């Protein structure tokens, strides 16, 4: 149990300290696009999970496949106009993946 708590803290702490205002998707995608940030360890993370909308049943399969290709859990949110770390836009939907497989 202590190991699980330590792992959870290590996963959530960077989200909180990175200025994230939310750790889960909102009801629908925000007009403000989320964008990827990169920390000093070159790990990419979203600036604000709350900018994503909840994953729709129509997008679940595609989202899960994209998350799986990154070694992440299932898709829990999507955004149609998210930005990459370099400021350019993703082609198609971007997905918010769960931290757990």
C-alpha atoms as a PDB file:
ATOM      1  CA  UNK A   1       0.000   0.000   0.000  1.00  0.00           C
ATOM      2  CA  UNK A   2       2.832   2.408   0.802  1.00  0.00           C
ATOM      3  CA  UNK A   3       4.374   1.753  -2.611  1.00  0.00           C
ATOM      4  CA  UNK A   4       1.044   2.485  -4.329  1.00  0.00           C
ATOM      5  CA  UNK A   5       0.669   5.756  -2.383  1.00  0.00           C
ATOM      6  CA  UNK A   6       4.214   6.801  -3.287  1.00  0.00           C
ATOM      7  CA  UNK A   7       3.595   6.022  -6.969  1.00  0.00           C
ATOM      8  CA  UNK A   8       0.317   7.944  -6.932  1.00  0.00           C
ATOM      9  CA  UNK A   9       1.997  10.964  -5.352  1.00  0.00           C
ATOM     10  CA  UNK A  10       4.772  10.873  -7.952  1.00  0.00           C
ATOM     11  CA  UNK A  11       2.207  10.771 -10.765  1.00  0.00           C
ATOM     12  CA  UNK A  12      -0.111  13.461  -9.403  1.00  0.00           C
ATOM     13  CA  UNK A  13       2.457  15.837  -7.906  1.00  0.00           C
ATOM     14  CA  UNK A  14       3.909  16.915 -11.283  1.00  0.00           C
ATOM     15  CA  UNK A  15       0.399  17.699 -12.530  1.00  0.00           C
ATOM     16  CA  UNK A  16      -0.384  19.861  -9.528  1.00  0.00           C
ATOM     17  CA  UNK A  17       2.960  21.640  -9.375  1.00  0.00           C
ATOM     18  CA  UNK A  18       3.023  22.234 -13.134  1.00  0.00           C
ATOM     19  CA  UNK A  19       0.092  24.627 -12.870  1.00  0.00           C
ATOM     20  CA  UNK A  20      -2.649  22.231 -13.916  1.00  0.00           C
ATOM     21  CA  UNK A  21      -5.983  23.515 -12.810  1.00  0.00           C
ATOM     22  CA  UNK A  22      -7.675  20.165 -13.287  1.00  0.00           C
ATOM     23  CA  UNK A  23      -6.681  16.510 -13.346  1.00  0.00           C
ATOM     24  CA  UNK A  24      -9.677  15.308 -15.354  1.00  0.00           C
ATOM     25  CA  UNK A  25     -11.599  16.291 -18.474  1.00  0.00           C
ATOM     26  CA  UNK A  26     -14.505  18.701 -18.472  1.00  0.00           C
ATOM     27  CA  UNK A  27     -17.938  17.999 -19.916  1.00  0.00           C
ATOM     28  CA  UNK A  28     -16.962  19.208 -23.399  1.00  0.00           C
ATOM     29  CA  UNK A  29     -13.774  20.434 -25.108  1.00  0.00           C
ATOM     30  CA  UNK A  30     -12.871  23.986 -24.172  1.00  0.00           C
ATOM     31  CA  UNK A  31     -12.548  26.735 -26.803  1.00  0.00           C
ATOM     32  CA  UNK A  32      -9.018  27.152 -25.374  1.00  0.00           C
ATOM     33  CA  UNK A  33      -6.821  24.369 -26.748  1.00  0.00           C
ATOM     34  CA  UNK A  34      -4.734  22.298 -24.344  1.00  0.00           C
ATOM     35  CA  UNK A  35      -1.062  22.055 -25.198  1.00  0.00           C
ATOM     36  CA  UNK A  36       1.751  19.716 -24.376  1.00  0.00           C
ATOM     37  CA  UNK A  37       4.535  20.887 -22.110  1.00  0.00           C
ATOM     38  CA  UNK A  38       7.877  19.218 -21.532  1.00  0.00           C
ATOM     39  CA  UNK A  39       9.611  19.074 -18.141  1.00  0.00           C
ATOM     40  CA  UNK A  40      13.365  18.960 -17.543  1.00  0.00           C
ATOM     41  CA  UNK A  41      13.310  15.143 -17.811  1.00  0.00           C
ATOM     42  CA  UNK A  42      11.816  15.605 -21.307  1.00  0.00           C
ATOM     43  CA  UNK A  43       8.530  14.035 -20.209  1.00  0.00           C
ATOM     44  CA  UNK A  44       5.516  15.443 -22.035  1.00  0.00           C
ATOM     45  CA  UNK A  45       2.328  16.310 -20.167  1.00  0.00           C
ATOM     46  CA  UNK A  46      -0.799  18.366 -20.845  1.00  0.00           C
ATOM     47  CA  UNK A  47      -0.993  21.867 -19.396  1.00  0.00           C
ATOM     48  CA  UNK A  48      -4.607  21.471 -18.194  1.00  0.00           C
ATOM     49  CA  UNK A  49      -6.654  18.272 -18.374  1.00  0.00           C
ATOM     50  CA  UNK A  50      -9.826  20.301 -17.767  1.00  0.00           C
ATOM     51  CA  UNK A  51      -9.561  21.732 -21.303  1.00  0.00           C
ATOM     52  CA  UNK A  52     -10.385  18.298 -22.723  1.00  0.00           C
ATOM     53  CA  UNK A  53     -13.957  17.075 -23.090  1.00  0.00           C
ATOM     54  CA  UNK A  54     -15.131  13.671 -21.913  1.00  0.00           C
ATOM     55  CA  UNK A  55     -14.435  10.940 -24.442  1.00  0.00           C
ATOM     56  CA  UNK A  56     -17.460  10.089 -26.550  1.00  0.00           C
ATOM     57  CA  UNK A  57     -18.464   6.493 -27.350  1.00  0.00           C
ATOM     58  CA  UNK A  58     -17.670   7.158 -31.032  1.00  0.00           C
ATOM     59  CA  UNK A  59     -14.079   8.176 -30.216  1.00  0.00           C
ATOM     60  CA  UNK A  60     -13.331   5.658 -27.437  1.00  0.00           C
ATOM     61  CA  UNK A  61     -11.797   3.009 -29.718  1.00  0.00           C
ATOM     62  CA  UNK A  62      -9.524   5.445 -31.556  1.00  0.00           C
ATOM     63  CA  UNK A  63      -8.535   7.138 -28.295  1.00  0.00           C
ATOM     64  CA  UNK A  64      -7.740   3.856 -26.555  1.00  0.00           C
ATOM     65  CA  UNK A  65      -5.570   2.793 -29.516  1.00  0.00           C
ATOM     66  CA  UNK A  66      -3.623   6.081 -29.422  1.00  0.00           C
ATOM     67  CA  UNK A  67      -3.136   5.856 -25.659  1.00  0.00           C
ATOM     68  CA  UNK A  68      -2.036   2.219 -25.933  1.00  0.00           C
ATOM     69  CA  UNK A  69       0.555   3.196 -28.553  1.00  0.00           C
ATOM     70  CA  UNK A  70       2.074   5.501 -25.926  1.00  0.00           C
ATOM     71  CA  UNK A  71       1.982   2.851 -23.213  1.00  0.00           C
ATOM     72  CA  UNK A  72      -0.743   4.680 -21.292  1.00  0.00           C
ATOM     73  CA  UNK A  73      -4.164   3.632 -19.999  1.00  0.00           C
ATOM     74  CA  UNK A  74      -7.500   4.171 -21.746  1.00  0.00           C
ATOM     75  CA  UNK A  75      -8.562   7.485 -23.264  1.00  0.00           C
ATOM     76  CA  UNK A  76     -10.615   9.550 -20.814  1.00  0.00           C
ATOM     77  CA  UNK A  77     -10.859  12.805 -22.779  1.00  0.00           C
ATOM     78  CA  UNK A  78     -10.348  14.355 -26.195  1.00  0.00           C
ATOM     79  CA  UNK A  79      -9.853  17.745 -27.826  1.00  0.00           C
ATOM     80  CA  UNK A  80     -10.228  18.480 -31.554  1.00  0.00           C
ATOM     81  CA  UNK A  81      -7.612  21.297 -31.678  1.00  0.00           C
ATOM     82  CA  UNK A  82      -4.855  20.577 -29.153  1.00  0.00           C
ATOM     83  CA  UNK A  83      -1.331  21.941 -29.561  1.00  0.00           C
ATOM     84  CA  UNK A  84       1.951  20.072 -29.630  1.00  0.00           C
ATOM     85  CA  UNK A  85       4.891  21.144 -27.465  1.00  0.00           C
ATOM     86  CA  UNK A  86       6.291  23.117 -30.424  1.00  0.00           C
ATOM     87  CA  UNK A  87       3.063  25.168 -30.681  1.00  0.00           C
ATOM     88  CA  UNK A  88       1.729  23.541 -33.848  1.00  0.00           C
ATOM     89  CA  UNK A  89      -1.641  21.825 -33.838  1.00  0.00           C
ATOM     90  CA  UNK A  90      -2.211  18.070 -33.834  1.00  0.00           C
ATOM     91  CA  UNK A  91      -3.930  16.735 -36.921  1.00  0.00           C
ATOM     92  CA  UNK A  92      -7.268  15.337 -35.756  1.00  0.00           C
ATOM     93  CA  UNK A  93      -8.195  14.720 -32.147  1.00  0.00           C
ATOM     94  CA  UNK A  94      -5.750  14.647 -29.266  1.00  0.00           C
ATOM     95  CA  UNK A  95      -6.505  12.347 -26.342  1.00  0.00           C
ATOM     96  CA  UNK A  96      -6.113  12.575 -22.602  1.00  0.00           C
ATOM     97  CA  UNK A  97      -5.013   9.161 -21.337  1.00  0.00           C
ATOM     98  CA  UNK A  98      -5.530   7.741 -17.874  1.00  0.00           C
ATOM     99  CA  UNK A  99      -2.414   7.272 -15.777  1.00  0.00           C
ATOM    100  CA  UNK A 100      -3.251   3.645 -15.114  1.00  0.00           C
ATOM    101  CA  UNK A 101      -3.393   0.733 -17.559  1.00  0.00           C
END
